[in-house]
């Protein structure tokens, strides 16, 4: 395992909903979590990767992301499980969409959106046509 840390200059992200994730850890993919940072002019990244020796590639992919998207004030935690640079770029774009749109998901307008079970139901059924019998809070 290798741990990498990077910091890039970026413009502050506006109206972000921090605490979002993209990807699924241990899936042969990667997981990214976004949390708020006090420094609004930078994006910081902590990476844990199972494939050592690719720091320059990680730095390049993350620098490209930071220069193309306003993500200042964001700290990214990436847990890699052998993802290729293309998958990393895809998951970063997905995270950005979740970061700026998570307060009002538009199921018809995203190519990268992953849904939980309730969101899948809402996406395929007509509004108010589904009634959940037992909500998770009812089990407490």
N, C-alpha and C. Protein backbone atom coordinates (compact mmCIF):
# COMPACT_ATOMS: atom_id res chain seq x y z
N UNK A 1 0.84 -1.17 0.00
CA UNK A 1 0.00 0.00 0.00
C UNK A 1 0.89 1.23 0.00
N UNK A 2 0.38 2.24 -0.68
CA UNK A 2 1.09 3.51 -0.73
C UNK A 2 0.10 4.63 -0.38
N UNK A 3 0.58 5.59 0.40
CA UNK A 3 -0.25 6.75 0.76
C UNK A 3 0.34 7.97 0.08
N UNK A 4 -0.52 8.70 -0.63
CA UNK A 4 -0.09 9.90 -1.35
C UNK A 4 -0.90 11.09 -0.87
N UNK A 5 -0.30 12.26 -0.92
CA UNK A 5 -0.97 13.50 -0.53
C UNK A 5 -0.65 14.57 -1.56
N UNK A 6 -1.68 15.27 -2.02
CA UNK A 6 -1.50 16.35 -2.98
C UNK A 6 -2.36 17.53 -2.57
N UNK A 7 -1.93 18.71 -3.01
CA UNK A 7 -2.71 19.93 -2.80
C UNK A 7 -2.61 20.75 -4.08
N UNK A 8 -3.76 21.27 -4.54
CA UNK A 8 -3.81 22.04 -5.77
C UNK A 8 -4.56 23.34 -5.53
N UNK A 9 -4.17 24.37 -6.25
CA UNK A 9 -4.89 25.64 -6.21
C UNK A 9 -6.19 25.47 -6.98
N UNK A 10 -7.28 25.99 -6.43
CA UNK A 10 -8.58 25.89 -7.09
C UNK A 10 -9.49 27.00 -6.61
N UNK A 11 -10.52 27.26 -7.37
CA UNK A 11 -11.53 28.24 -7.00
C UNK A 11 -12.52 27.57 -6.05
N UNK A 12 -13.01 28.31 -5.08
CA UNK A 12 -13.94 27.75 -4.10
C UNK A 12 -15.19 27.19 -4.75
N UNK A 13 -15.60 26.03 -4.31
CA UNK A 13 -16.84 25.42 -4.79
C UNK A 13 -18.00 26.13 -4.11
N UNK A 14 -19.02 26.47 -4.89
CA UNK A 14 -20.16 27.20 -4.34
C UNK A 14 -21.33 26.26 -4.10
N UNK A 15 -22.01 26.47 -2.98
CA UNK A 15 -23.21 25.70 -2.62
C UNK A 15 -22.96 24.19 -2.60
N UNK A 16 -21.79 23.79 -2.16
CA UNK A 16 -21.48 22.36 -2.12
C UNK A 16 -22.13 21.70 -0.93
N UNK A 17 -22.48 20.45 -1.14
CA UNK A 17 -23.00 19.63 -0.05
C UNK A 17 -21.93 18.60 0.27
N UNK A 18 -21.04 18.94 1.21
CA UNK A 18 -19.94 18.06 1.55
C UNK A 18 -20.46 16.83 2.30
N UNK A 19 -19.63 15.80 2.32
CA UNK A 19 -20.03 14.55 2.93
C UNK A 19 -20.57 13.58 1.91
N UNK A 20 -20.33 13.85 0.62
CA UNK A 20 -20.80 12.96 -0.43
C UNK A 20 -19.69 12.00 -0.83
N UNK A 21 -20.08 10.92 -1.47
CA UNK A 21 -19.12 9.92 -1.95
C UNK A 21 -19.43 9.55 -3.38
N UNK A 22 -18.46 8.91 -4.02
CA UNK A 22 -18.71 8.26 -5.30
C UNK A 22 -17.87 7.00 -5.34
N UNK A 23 -18.33 6.03 -6.09
CA UNK A 23 -17.63 4.76 -6.18
C UNK A 23 -17.93 3.85 -5.02
N UNK A 24 -17.38 2.65 -5.10
CA UNK A 24 -17.58 1.64 -4.07
C UNK A 24 -16.24 1.01 -3.76
N UNK A 25 -15.80 1.12 -2.53
CA UNK A 25 -14.52 0.56 -2.16
C UNK A 25 -14.55 -0.97 -2.24
N UNK A 26 -13.40 -1.57 -2.51
CA UNK A 26 -13.23 -3.03 -2.66
C UNK A 26 -14.06 -3.61 -3.80
N UNK A 27 -14.27 -2.81 -4.83
CA UNK A 27 -15.04 -3.29 -5.97
C UNK A 27 -14.17 -3.45 -7.21
N UNK A 28 -12.86 -3.34 -7.07
CA UNK A 28 -12.00 -3.29 -8.24
C UNK A 28 -12.06 -1.92 -8.86
N UNK A 29 -12.50 -0.98 -8.12
CA UNK A 29 -12.79 0.37 -8.57
C UNK A 29 -12.11 1.33 -7.63
N UNK A 30 -12.79 2.31 -7.13
CA UNK A 30 -12.29 3.15 -6.07
C UNK A 30 -13.43 3.90 -5.42
N UNK A 31 -13.17 4.41 -4.23
CA UNK A 31 -14.16 5.18 -3.49
C UNK A 31 -13.54 6.55 -3.22
N UNK A 32 -14.34 7.60 -3.40
CA UNK A 32 -13.89 8.96 -3.10
C UNK A 32 -14.89 9.60 -2.15
N UNK A 33 -14.38 10.22 -1.11
CA UNK A 33 -15.22 10.96 -0.17
C UNK A 33 -14.78 12.42 -0.19
N UNK A 34 -15.74 13.33 -0.14
CA UNK A 34 -15.45 14.77 -0.12
C UNK A 34 -15.90 15.36 1.21
N UNK A 35 -14.98 16.01 1.88
CA UNK A 35 -15.31 16.71 3.12
C UNK A 35 -14.86 18.17 3.00
N UNK A 36 -15.45 19.03 3.78
CA UNK A 36 -15.13 20.46 3.73
C UNK A 36 -13.75 20.72 4.31
N UNK A 37 -13.08 21.71 3.73
CA UNK A 37 -11.77 22.15 4.18
C UNK A 37 -11.83 23.64 4.48
N UNK A 38 -11.00 24.12 5.38
CA UNK A 38 -11.00 25.54 5.73
C UNK A 38 -10.35 26.41 4.66
N UNK A 39 -9.47 25.83 3.85
CA UNK A 39 -8.76 26.60 2.82
C UNK A 39 -9.57 26.61 1.53
N UNK A 40 -10.28 27.70 1.28
CA UNK A 40 -11.18 27.78 0.12
C UNK A 40 -10.44 27.95 -1.21
N UNK A 41 -9.14 28.18 -1.16
CA UNK A 41 -8.37 28.39 -2.39
C UNK A 41 -7.63 27.14 -2.85
N UNK A 42 -7.81 26.04 -2.14
CA UNK A 42 -7.12 24.81 -2.54
C UNK A 42 -8.04 23.60 -2.42
N UNK A 43 -7.62 22.55 -3.09
CA UNK A 43 -8.22 21.23 -2.93
C UNK A 43 -7.09 20.33 -2.45
N UNK A 44 -7.33 19.59 -1.38
CA UNK A 44 -6.32 18.66 -0.88
C UNK A 44 -6.82 17.24 -1.08
N UNK A 45 -5.88 16.33 -1.30
CA UNK A 45 -6.23 14.94 -1.61
C UNK A 45 -5.34 13.99 -0.82
N UNK A 46 -5.96 13.03 -0.16
CA UNK A 46 -5.26 11.93 0.50
C UNK A 46 -5.65 10.65 -0.22
N UNK A 47 -4.65 9.94 -0.74
CA UNK A 47 -4.91 8.73 -1.52
C UNK A 47 -4.26 7.54 -0.84
N UNK A 48 -5.01 6.46 -0.70
CA UNK A 48 -4.46 5.18 -0.28
C UNK A 48 -4.65 4.24 -1.46
N UNK A 49 -3.54 3.77 -2.01
CA UNK A 49 -3.60 2.93 -3.20
C UNK A 49 -2.92 1.59 -2.96
N UNK A 50 -3.46 0.57 -3.59
CA UNK A 50 -2.88 -0.78 -3.47
C UNK A 50 -1.79 -1.00 -4.50
N UNK A 51 -1.64 -0.06 -5.43
CA UNK A 51 -0.65 -0.21 -6.51
C UNK A 51 0.39 0.91 -6.38
N UNK A 52 1.54 0.62 -5.79
CA UNK A 52 2.54 1.66 -5.59
C UNK A 52 3.27 2.03 -6.89
N UNK A 53 3.88 3.23 -6.88
CA UNK A 53 4.71 3.64 -8.01
C UNK A 53 4.03 4.50 -9.05
N UNK A 54 2.80 4.93 -8.80
CA UNK A 54 2.07 5.70 -9.80
C UNK A 54 1.74 7.12 -9.31
N UNK A 55 2.58 7.68 -8.46
CA UNK A 55 2.32 9.00 -7.89
C UNK A 55 2.20 10.07 -8.98
N UNK A 56 3.05 10.03 -10.00
CA UNK A 56 2.99 11.04 -11.07
C UNK A 56 1.67 10.97 -11.83
N UNK A 57 1.17 9.78 -12.07
CA UNK A 57 -0.11 9.63 -12.78
C UNK A 57 -1.25 10.15 -11.90
N UNK A 58 -1.25 9.77 -10.61
CA UNK A 58 -2.26 10.29 -9.69
C UNK A 58 -2.24 11.81 -9.68
N UNK A 59 -1.03 12.38 -9.57
CA UNK A 59 -0.90 13.83 -9.52
C UNK A 59 -1.44 14.48 -10.80
N UNK A 60 -1.16 13.89 -11.93
CA UNK A 60 -1.64 14.42 -13.21
C UNK A 60 -3.16 14.39 -13.32
N UNK A 61 -3.77 13.26 -12.97
CA UNK A 61 -5.23 13.12 -13.05
C UNK A 61 -5.91 14.09 -12.09
N UNK A 62 -5.40 14.20 -10.88
CA UNK A 62 -5.99 15.10 -9.89
C UNK A 62 -5.76 16.57 -10.24
N UNK A 63 -4.60 16.90 -10.80
CA UNK A 63 -4.33 18.29 -11.23
C UNK A 63 -5.28 18.68 -12.35
N UNK A 64 -5.53 17.76 -13.27
CA UNK A 64 -6.47 18.03 -14.36
C UNK A 64 -7.87 18.27 -13.81
N UNK A 65 -8.29 17.45 -12.86
CA UNK A 65 -9.60 17.63 -12.23
C UNK A 65 -9.68 18.99 -11.53
N UNK A 66 -8.68 19.33 -10.73
CA UNK A 66 -8.68 20.59 -9.99
C UNK A 66 -8.69 21.80 -10.91
N UNK A 67 -8.05 21.69 -12.07
CA UNK A 67 -8.02 22.83 -13.00
C UNK A 67 -9.32 22.97 -13.79
N UNK A 68 -10.08 21.88 -13.94
CA UNK A 68 -11.31 21.92 -14.73
C UNK A 68 -12.58 22.15 -13.92
N UNK A 69 -12.53 21.93 -12.62
CA UNK A 69 -13.72 22.06 -11.78
C UNK A 69 -13.40 22.93 -10.56
N UNK A 70 -14.34 23.75 -10.17
CA UNK A 70 -14.19 24.60 -9.00
C UNK A 70 -14.44 23.76 -7.74
N UNK A 71 -13.37 23.29 -7.13
CA UNK A 71 -13.50 22.42 -5.97
C UNK A 71 -12.69 22.91 -4.77
N UNK A 72 -12.35 24.20 -4.78
CA UNK A 72 -11.63 24.77 -3.64
C UNK A 72 -12.44 24.63 -2.37
N UNK A 73 -11.75 24.45 -1.25
CA UNK A 73 -12.43 24.24 0.02
C UNK A 73 -12.86 22.81 0.23
N UNK A 74 -12.30 21.92 -0.58
CA UNK A 74 -12.68 20.51 -0.53
C UNK A 74 -11.47 19.65 -0.21
N UNK A 75 -11.65 18.68 0.65
CA UNK A 75 -10.62 17.69 0.95
C UNK A 75 -11.14 16.35 0.46
N UNK A 76 -10.39 15.71 -0.43
CA UNK A 76 -10.80 14.42 -0.99
C UNK A 76 -10.02 13.30 -0.32
N UNK A 77 -10.73 12.24 0.02
CA UNK A 77 -10.11 11.03 0.54
C UNK A 77 -10.42 9.93 -0.48
N UNK A 78 -9.37 9.41 -1.10
CA UNK A 78 -9.53 8.40 -2.14
C UNK A 78 -8.97 7.07 -1.65
N UNK A 79 -9.77 6.02 -1.73
CA UNK A 79 -9.35 4.66 -1.41
C UNK A 79 -9.39 3.87 -2.70
N UNK A 80 -8.20 3.57 -3.21
CA UNK A 80 -8.07 2.93 -4.51
C UNK A 80 -7.99 1.42 -4.37
N UNK A 81 -8.54 0.76 -5.34
CA UNK A 81 -8.45 -0.70 -5.39
C UNK A 81 -8.03 -1.11 -6.79
N UNK A 82 -6.97 -0.46 -7.30
CA UNK A 82 -6.45 -0.79 -8.61
C UNK A 82 -7.16 -0.13 -9.77
N UNK A 83 -7.83 1.00 -9.54
CA UNK A 83 -8.57 1.68 -10.60
C UNK A 83 -7.61 2.28 -11.63
N UNK A 84 -8.02 2.28 -12.88
CA UNK A 84 -7.24 2.89 -13.95
C UNK A 84 -7.45 4.40 -13.93
N UNK A 85 -6.56 5.17 -14.58
CA UNK A 85 -6.75 6.63 -14.62
C UNK A 85 -8.10 7.05 -15.20
N UNK A 86 -8.61 6.31 -16.17
CA UNK A 86 -9.91 6.64 -16.75
C UNK A 86 -11.03 6.48 -15.72
N UNK A 87 -10.97 5.45 -14.91
CA UNK A 87 -11.98 5.23 -13.87
C UNK A 87 -11.85 6.31 -12.79
N UNK A 88 -10.63 6.68 -12.45
CA UNK A 88 -10.42 7.74 -11.46
C UNK A 88 -11.05 9.04 -11.97
N UNK A 89 -10.80 9.40 -13.24
CA UNK A 89 -11.37 10.62 -13.81
C UNK A 89 -12.90 10.55 -13.82
N UNK A 90 -13.46 9.40 -14.15
CA UNK A 90 -14.91 9.22 -14.16
C UNK A 90 -15.48 9.41 -12.76
N UNK A 91 -14.86 8.79 -11.77
CA UNK A 91 -15.35 8.88 -10.39
C UNK A 91 -15.21 10.30 -9.84
N UNK A 92 -14.15 11.01 -10.23
CA UNK A 92 -14.00 12.39 -9.81
C UNK A 92 -15.10 13.26 -10.39
N UNK A 93 -15.42 13.04 -11.66
CA UNK A 93 -16.51 13.79 -12.30
C UNK A 93 -17.84 13.46 -11.61
N UNK A 94 -18.05 12.20 -11.30
CA UNK A 94 -19.26 11.78 -10.60
C UNK A 94 -19.33 12.46 -9.23
N UNK A 95 -18.22 12.50 -8.52
CA UNK A 95 -18.18 13.14 -7.22
C UNK A 95 -18.53 14.62 -7.34
N UNK A 96 -18.00 15.28 -8.36
CA UNK A 96 -18.30 16.69 -8.56
C UNK A 96 -19.80 16.90 -8.76
N UNK A 97 -20.42 16.05 -9.58
CA UNK A 97 -21.87 16.15 -9.79
C UNK A 97 -22.62 15.95 -8.48
N UNK A 98 -22.21 14.97 -7.69
CA UNK A 98 -22.86 14.73 -6.40
C UNK A 98 -22.62 15.89 -5.44
N UNK A 99 -21.45 16.48 -5.51
CA UNK A 99 -21.09 17.58 -4.62
C UNK A 99 -21.96 18.81 -4.87
N UNK A 100 -22.23 19.10 -6.13
CA UNK A 100 -22.99 20.32 -6.42
C UNK A 100 -24.48 20.06 -6.61
N UNK A 101 -24.88 18.81 -6.80
CA UNK A 101 -26.28 18.51 -7.07
C UNK A 101 -26.95 17.63 -6.03
N UNK A 102 -26.26 17.25 -4.97
CA UNK A 102 -26.82 16.26 -4.06
C UNK A 102 -28.03 16.78 -3.29
N UNK A 103 -28.21 18.10 -3.22
CA UNK A 103 -29.38 18.61 -2.51
C UNK A 103 -30.64 18.45 -3.35
N UNK A 104 -30.50 18.26 -4.66
CA UNK A 104 -31.67 18.08 -5.53
C UNK A 104 -31.26 17.22 -6.71
N UNK A 105 -31.26 15.91 -6.53
CA UNK A 105 -30.83 15.00 -7.58
C UNK A 105 -31.80 15.02 -8.75
N UNK A 106 -31.24 15.13 -9.93
CA UNK A 106 -32.02 15.05 -11.16
C UNK A 106 -31.66 13.72 -11.81
N UNK A 107 -32.52 12.74 -11.68
CA UNK A 107 -32.21 11.39 -12.14
C UNK A 107 -32.11 11.29 -13.65
N UNK A 108 -32.60 12.26 -14.39
CA UNK A 108 -32.61 12.18 -15.84
C UNK A 108 -31.45 12.91 -16.48
N UNK A 109 -30.61 13.60 -15.69
CA UNK A 109 -29.63 14.48 -16.29
C UNK A 109 -28.19 14.14 -15.95
N UNK A 110 -27.88 12.95 -15.49
CA UNK A 110 -26.52 12.61 -15.11
C UNK A 110 -26.13 11.26 -15.70
N UNK A 111 -24.92 11.21 -16.22
CA UNK A 111 -24.40 9.96 -16.78
C UNK A 111 -23.66 9.15 -15.73
N UNK A 112 -23.36 9.74 -14.57
CA UNK A 112 -22.51 9.10 -13.58
C UNK A 112 -23.20 8.84 -12.25
N UNK A 113 -24.45 9.13 -12.17
CA UNK A 113 -25.15 9.09 -10.89
C UNK A 113 -25.42 7.65 -10.45
N UNK A 114 -25.02 7.33 -9.23
CA UNK A 114 -25.35 6.05 -8.64
C UNK A 114 -26.45 6.28 -7.63
N UNK A 115 -27.41 5.41 -7.59
CA UNK A 115 -28.57 5.59 -6.74
C UNK A 115 -28.63 4.52 -5.66
N UNK A 116 -29.16 4.91 -4.50
CA UNK A 116 -29.43 3.90 -3.49
C UNK A 116 -30.79 3.27 -3.82
N UNK A 117 -31.23 2.33 -3.03
CA UNK A 117 -32.47 1.59 -3.34
C UNK A 117 -33.69 2.50 -3.44
N UNK A 118 -33.87 3.39 -2.50
CA UNK A 118 -35.03 4.29 -2.53
C UNK A 118 -34.98 5.22 -3.75
N UNK A 119 -33.78 5.71 -4.08
CA UNK A 119 -33.64 6.59 -5.23
C UNK A 119 -33.92 5.85 -6.53
N UNK A 120 -33.55 4.58 -6.61
CA UNK A 120 -33.87 3.78 -7.81
C UNK A 120 -35.38 3.65 -7.97
N UNK A 121 -36.06 3.39 -6.87
CA UNK A 121 -37.53 3.30 -6.91
C UNK A 121 -38.13 4.61 -7.40
N UNK A 122 -37.66 5.72 -6.83
CA UNK A 122 -38.18 7.04 -7.23
C UNK A 122 -37.90 7.33 -8.70
N UNK A 123 -36.79 6.83 -9.21
CA UNK A 123 -36.41 7.10 -10.60
C UNK A 123 -37.26 6.32 -11.61
N UNK A 124 -37.75 5.14 -11.22
CA UNK A 124 -38.47 4.32 -12.22
C UNK A 124 -39.98 4.32 -12.05
N UNK A 125 -40.48 4.75 -10.90
CA UNK A 125 -41.93 4.73 -10.67
C UNK A 125 -42.52 6.14 -10.79
N UNK A 126 -43.80 6.19 -11.09
CA UNK A 126 -44.49 7.47 -11.12
C UNK A 126 -44.53 8.06 -9.72
N UNK A 127 -44.51 9.38 -9.65
CA UNK A 127 -44.53 10.07 -8.37
C UNK A 127 -45.79 9.66 -7.57
N UNK A 128 -45.59 9.39 -6.28
CA UNK A 128 -46.65 9.00 -5.34
C UNK A 128 -47.33 7.67 -5.70
N UNK A 129 -46.68 6.83 -6.50
CA UNK A 129 -47.28 5.55 -6.83
C UNK A 129 -46.70 4.41 -6.00
N UNK A 130 -45.79 4.71 -5.11
CA UNK A 130 -45.16 3.70 -4.28
C UNK A 130 -45.34 4.07 -2.81
N UNK A 131 -45.74 3.10 -2.01
CA UNK A 131 -45.90 3.32 -0.58
C UNK A 131 -45.03 2.30 0.16
N UNK A 132 -44.05 2.80 0.88
CA UNK A 132 -43.13 1.93 1.61
C UNK A 132 -43.81 1.45 2.89
N UNK A 133 -43.86 0.13 3.10
CA UNK A 133 -44.52 -0.43 4.26
C UNK A 133 -43.73 -0.24 5.54
N UNK A 134 -42.44 -0.50 5.49
CA UNK A 134 -41.62 -0.43 6.70
C UNK A 134 -40.38 0.39 6.40
N UNK A 135 -40.34 1.59 6.93
CA UNK A 135 -39.20 2.48 6.74
C UNK A 135 -38.11 2.10 7.74
N UNK A 136 -36.83 2.40 7.44
CA UNK A 136 -35.76 2.04 8.36
C UNK A 136 -35.95 2.60 9.77
N UNK A 137 -36.54 3.77 9.87
CA UNK A 137 -36.75 4.37 11.19
C UNK A 137 -37.80 3.62 12.00
N UNK A 138 -38.66 2.85 11.33
CA UNK A 138 -39.67 2.07 12.04
C UNK A 138 -39.07 0.84 12.74
N UNK A 139 -37.86 0.49 12.36
CA UNK A 139 -37.23 -0.70 12.90
C UNK A 139 -36.48 -0.40 14.20
N UNK A 140 -36.36 0.85 14.57
CA UNK A 140 -35.59 1.22 15.78
C UNK A 140 -36.35 0.91 17.04
